[in-house]
Amino acid sequence: MLEQLYSTGQLVIHHKKGTRKYYDLAERHIPKEILQAPDPLPDDLEHQKWRVLRRIGAIGLLWNRPSDAWLYIQNLSAANRSDIFRALQESGKIIPVTVEGITHTFYCHSQDLPLIETVKQSPSLKPRCELIAVLDCFMWDRKIIKALFGGYHFSWEIYTPAIKRKYGPYVLPLIYGGNFIGRVEPVRGSKNKALNVKNIWLEDGIKVTKKMQTAIDACLKRFAKFNDCNLIADYVI
């Protein structure tokens, strides 16, 4: 209920202690002239269109299908979602994108088209290795990830009973170049401030080259620095 009131703007997150959120009434922290300003969107449909457009932009590519990407968009049915996609396309705000081997059509912001063209014309882009946060907007629709990246399936197991976990409670997806190559379970040591890599699971068929290993090492060092860790404990792939 608190999250629902937060999503409708009646509450704000005042502060946090660890992972616990403390809410308060929005009217106590947001100026009246903002709270009482006229709604810039004339009706519920326009509000839904605005939110759908934002979700498409947040993920980059999105399809007109049931998805976790639509969470907290109130009263968004399959029928009016299709109407919204049609209206956004007719107004030129989104464009359809087809992917070889996938029957469903994707959509992206029309303003992202130059970026797509740049990537298509630059096959020699230097591959990067990154850890992806489990709640990153890129991961909102796991079915899209599975469809686009060769069947890569990711499940956040923090709420899965320990005996049923396949990997670990907080495992992060690992991406290299244009592919997900595996997942990593990093744990910050409480005493020595070291980043301990408990395990790295590579996808079937992934062979670690010297170049890939260097990129993974650099990625983990950046991650350690971001989490204020002094060193990385030894790990083996």
Protein backbone atom coordinates (compact mmCIF):
# COMPACT_ATOMS: atom_id res chain seq x y z
CA MET A 1 0.00 0.00 0.00
CA LEU A 2 2.86 2.37 0.80
CA GLU A 3 4.43 1.72 -2.60
CA GLN A 4 1.08 2.33 -4.31
CA LEU A 5 0.63 5.66 -2.49
CA TYR A 6 4.21 6.54 -3.42
CA SER A 7 3.60 5.72 -7.09
CA THR A 8 0.55 8.02 -7.15
CA GLY A 9 2.50 10.90 -5.58
CA GLN A 10 0.71 10.99 -2.23
CA LEU A 11 3.82 9.86 -0.35
CA VAL A 12 7.53 10.53 -0.71
CA ILE A 13 10.48 8.52 0.56
CA HIS A 14 11.79 10.74 3.33
CA HIS A 15 14.94 8.75 4.09
CA LYS A 16 16.37 5.27 4.28
CA LYS A 17 18.19 3.25 6.92
CA GLY A 18 19.92 0.35 5.25
CA THR A 19 17.27 -1.17 3.01
CA ARG A 20 14.31 0.15 5.02
CA LYS A 21 12.40 3.07 3.52
CA TYR A 22 10.66 5.72 5.62
CA TYR A 23 7.71 7.44 3.96
CA ASP A 24 6.01 10.74 4.68
CA LEU A 25 3.18 12.78 3.16
CA ALA A 26 4.24 14.55 -0.04
CA GLU A 27 2.49 17.76 1.07
CA ARG A 28 5.03 18.14 3.88
CA HIS A 29 8.01 18.23 1.54
CA ILE A 30 6.85 19.46 -1.87
CA PRO A 31 5.81 23.13 -2.30
CA LYS A 32 2.08 23.80 -2.65
CA GLU A 33 2.52 25.58 -5.97
CA ILE A 34 3.84 22.32 -7.41
CA LEU A 35 1.31 19.99 -5.78
CA GLN A 36 -1.61 22.25 -6.70
CA ALA A 37 -0.44 23.10 -10.21
CA PRO A 38 -2.81 22.15 -13.05
CA ASP A 39 -2.27 18.64 -14.37
CA PRO A 40 -0.26 18.94 -17.61
CA LEU A 41 -2.01 15.82 -18.94
CA PRO A 42 -5.73 16.36 -19.60
CA ASP A 43 -6.99 12.83 -18.96
CA ASP A 44 -6.03 9.29 -17.93
CA LEU A 45 -5.30 8.21 -21.49
CA GLU A 46 -2.77 11.00 -22.03
CA HIS A 47 -1.15 10.10 -18.73
CA GLN A 48 -0.87 6.47 -19.80
CA LYS A 49 0.64 7.52 -23.15
CA TRP A 50 3.23 9.62 -21.32
CA ARG A 51 4.17 6.74 -19.01
CA VAL A 52 4.32 4.15 -21.81
CA LEU A 53 6.60 6.47 -23.79
CA ARG A 54 8.86 6.85 -20.75
CA ARG A 55 9.05 3.07 -20.25
CA ILE A 56 10.00 2.52 -23.90
CA GLY A 57 12.77 5.08 -23.52
CA ALA A 58 13.97 3.61 -20.22
CA ILE A 59 14.47 0.11 -21.65
CA GLY A 60 15.45 1.17 -25.16
CA LEU A 61 13.40 -1.42 -27.01
CA LEU A 62 9.99 -2.59 -25.90
CA TRP A 63 7.18 -4.58 -27.42
CA ASN A 64 3.40 -4.34 -27.14
CA ARG A 65 3.00 -7.42 -24.97
CA PRO A 66 2.27 -8.19 -21.30
CA SER A 67 5.38 -7.16 -19.40
CA ASP A 68 6.74 -6.18 -16.01
CA ALA A 69 7.67 -2.94 -17.74
CA TRP A 70 4.05 -1.80 -17.32
CA LEU A 71 3.98 -2.12 -13.53
CA TYR A 72 2.27 0.78 -11.74
CA ILE A 73 0.65 2.18 -14.89
CA GLN A 74 -2.88 2.14 -13.59
CA ASN A 75 -5.74 0.66 -15.65
CA LEU A 76 -3.49 -0.18 -18.59
CA SER A 77 -5.35 -2.93 -20.43
CA ALA A 78 -4.15 -4.81 -23.50
CA ALA A 79 -6.69 -2.95 -25.63
CA ASN A 80 -5.74 0.59 -24.66
CA ARG A 81 -2.06 -0.34 -24.66
CA SER A 82 -2.42 -1.20 -28.35
CA ASP A 83 -4.24 2.11 -28.93
CA ILE A 84 -1.42 3.93 -27.18
CA PHE A 85 1.28 2.24 -29.26
CA ARG A 86 -0.66 3.09 -32.42
CA ALA A 87 -1.07 6.75 -31.38
CA LEU A 88 2.60 7.12 -30.42
CA GLN A 89 3.67 5.66 -33.76
CA GLU A 90 1.27 7.85 -35.76
CA SER A 91 2.59 10.94 -33.95
CA GLY A 92 6.15 9.97 -34.82
CA LYS A 93 7.29 9.54 -31.24
CA ILE A 94 8.16 5.85 -31.60
CA ILE A 95 9.24 3.74 -34.55
CA PRO A 96 8.95 -0.02 -35.14
CA VAL A 97 12.10 -2.13 -35.06
CA THR A 98 12.34 -5.68 -36.36
CA VAL A 99 14.95 -8.16 -35.19
CA GLU A 100 15.98 -11.08 -37.35
CA GLY A 101 14.58 -14.35 -36.02
CA ILE A 102 11.99 -12.71 -33.73
CA THR A 103 8.38 -12.49 -34.91
CA HIS A 104 7.27 -9.75 -32.51
CA THR A 105 7.87 -6.11 -33.40
CA PHE A 106 9.83 -3.88 -31.04
CA TYR A 107 9.53 -0.12 -30.67
CA CYS A 108 12.03 2.57 -29.71
CA HIS A 109 12.01 6.34 -29.39
CA SER A 110 12.30 7.95 -32.82
CA GLN A 111 15.04 10.19 -31.40
CA ASP A 112 17.14 7.06 -30.79
CA LEU A 113 17.29 6.20 -34.51
CA PRO A 114 20.61 8.08 -35.10
CA LEU A 115 22.20 6.05 -32.29
CA ILE A 116 20.98 2.79 -33.84
CA GLU A 117 22.36 3.81 -37.22
CA THR A 118 25.71 4.74 -35.68
CA VAL A 119 26.01 1.33 -34.00
CA LYS A 120 25.04 -0.48 -37.22
CA GLN A 121 27.73 1.39 -39.15
CA SER A 122 30.46 0.83 -36.54
CA PRO A 123 31.19 -2.92 -36.39
CA SER A 124 34.59 -2.33 -34.80
CA LEU A 125 33.31 -0.82 -31.55
CA LYS A 126 35.51 -1.81 -28.62
CA PRO A 127 33.70 -4.44 -26.49
CA ARG A 128 33.03 -3.50 -22.87
CA CYS A 129 32.42 -5.76 -19.92
CA GLU A 130 29.87 -4.64 -17.35
CA LEU A 131 27.87 -5.96 -14.42
CA ILE A 132 24.18 -5.11 -14.70
CA ALA A 133 22.13 -4.27 -11.61
CA VAL A 134 19.26 -6.72 -11.16
CA LEU A 135 16.72 -3.87 -11.05
CA ASP A 136 18.27 -1.87 -13.88
CA CYS A 137 15.57 -0.80 -16.36
CA PHE A 138 17.44 -2.80 -19.00
CA MET A 139 16.36 -5.96 -17.14
CA TRP A 140 12.71 -5.03 -16.56
CA ASP A 141 11.40 -7.41 -19.21
CA ARG A 142 13.27 -10.70 -18.82
CA LYS A 143 11.43 -12.18 -21.82
CA ILE A 144 12.93 -9.51 -24.06
CA ILE A 145 16.39 -10.26 -22.68
CA LYS A 146 15.87 -13.96 -23.37
CA ALA A 147 14.62 -13.28 -26.92
CA LEU A 148 17.38 -10.83 -27.87
CA PHE A 149 20.36 -12.49 -26.21
CA GLY A 150 20.32 -16.09 -27.29
CA GLY A 151 18.07 -17.50 -24.60
CA TYR A 152 19.85 -15.86 -21.66
CA HIS A 153 17.54 -16.31 -18.68
CA PHE A 154 17.98 -14.28 -15.53
CA SER A 155 16.06 -14.65 -12.29
CA TRP A 156 16.64 -12.60 -9.15
CA GLU A 157 16.78 -15.25 -6.43
CA ILE A 158 16.81 -13.02 -3.38
CA TYR A 159 13.20 -14.05 -2.62
CA THR A 160 13.77 -17.69 -3.57
CA PRO A 161 14.22 -20.11 -0.64
CA ALA A 162 17.91 -20.93 -0.29
CA ILE A 163 17.37 -24.62 -0.97
CA LYS A 164 15.74 -23.81 -4.32
CA ARG A 165 18.32 -21.30 -5.56
CA LYS A 166 20.32 -22.21 -8.63
CA TYR A 167 22.92 -19.49 -8.16
CA GLY A 168 22.70 -17.07 -5.22
CA PRO A 169 20.57 -14.40 -3.54
CA TYR A 170 22.22 -11.43 -5.26
CA VAL A 171 23.82 -12.54 -8.50
CA LEU A 172 24.51 -9.92 -11.18
CA PRO A 173 24.26 -10.44 -14.96
CA LEU A 174 27.60 -10.12 -16.75
CA ILE A 175 27.66 -8.65 -20.25
CA TYR A 176 30.61 -8.50 -22.65
CA GLY A 177 30.35 -6.77 -25.99
CA GLY A 178 26.91 -7.54 -27.36
CA ASN A 179 26.22 -10.67 -25.32
CA PHE A 180 25.44 -11.80 -21.80
CA ILE A 181 28.27 -14.19 -21.01
CA GLY A 182 27.28 -15.24 -17.49
CA ARG A 183 26.58 -14.04 -13.98
CA VAL A 184 28.65 -13.12 -10.94
CA GLU A 185 28.05 -13.36 -7.20
CA PRO A 186 30.08 -10.58 -5.54
CA VAL A 187 30.11 -10.10 -1.77
CA ARG A 188 31.70 -7.22 0.10
CA GLY A 189 33.82 -8.43 2.98
CA SER A 190 32.80 -6.94 6.31
CA LYS A 191 36.27 -6.97 7.87
CA ASN A 192 38.87 -6.38 5.19
CA LYS A 193 36.66 -4.36 2.76
CA ALA A 194 37.58 -6.78 -0.01
CA LEU A 195 35.28 -7.63 -2.88
CA ASN A 196 34.92 -11.39 -2.72
CA VAL A 197 33.79 -13.03 -5.94
CA LYS A 198 32.11 -16.15 -4.60
CA ASN A 199 31.44 -17.55 -8.05
CA ILE A 200 31.26 -16.78 -11.75
CA TRP A 201 28.93 -18.85 -13.89
CA LEU A 202 29.54 -18.64 -17.63
CA GLU A 203 26.90 -19.43 -20.21
CA ASP A 204 27.25 -22.64 -22.20
CA GLY A 205 29.63 -22.22 -25.11
CA ILE A 206 31.46 -19.20 -23.70
CA LYS A 207 35.23 -19.54 -23.96
CA VAL A 208 37.30 -17.04 -22.03
CA THR A 209 39.94 -15.40 -24.19
CA LYS A 210 42.80 -13.32 -22.88
CA LYS A 211 41.02 -10.19 -24.09
CA MET A 212 37.80 -11.18 -22.32
CA GLN A 213 39.64 -12.04 -19.11
CA THR A 214 41.29 -8.61 -19.12
CA ALA A 215 37.91 -6.96 -19.59
CA ILE A 216 36.33 -8.98 -16.76
CA ASP A 217 39.22 -8.09 -14.43
CA ALA A 218 38.81 -4.38 -15.25
CA CYS A 219 35.05 -4.60 -14.72
CA LEU A 220 35.42 -6.16 -11.27
CA LYS A 221 38.03 -3.57 -10.28
CA ARG A 222 35.62 -0.75 -11.21
CA PHE A 223 32.87 -2.49 -9.27
CA ALA A 224 35.15 -2.83 -6.23
CA LYS A 225 36.06 0.85 -6.36
CA PHE A 226 32.39 1.85 -6.68
CA ASN A 227 31.61 -0.14 -3.52
CA ASP A 228 34.59 1.32 -1.64
CA CYS A 229 36.49 -1.96 -1.56
CA ASN A 230 40.26 -1.85 -1.26
CA LEU A 231 41.06 -5.06 -3.13
CA ILE A 232 39.51 -8.00 -4.90
CA ALA A 233 39.94 -11.42 -3.37
CA ASP A 234 41.28 -14.05 -5.76
CA TYR A 235 38.71 -15.60 -8.05
CA VAL A 236 38.77 -18.28 -10.69
CA ILE A 237 36.54 -18.57 -13.75
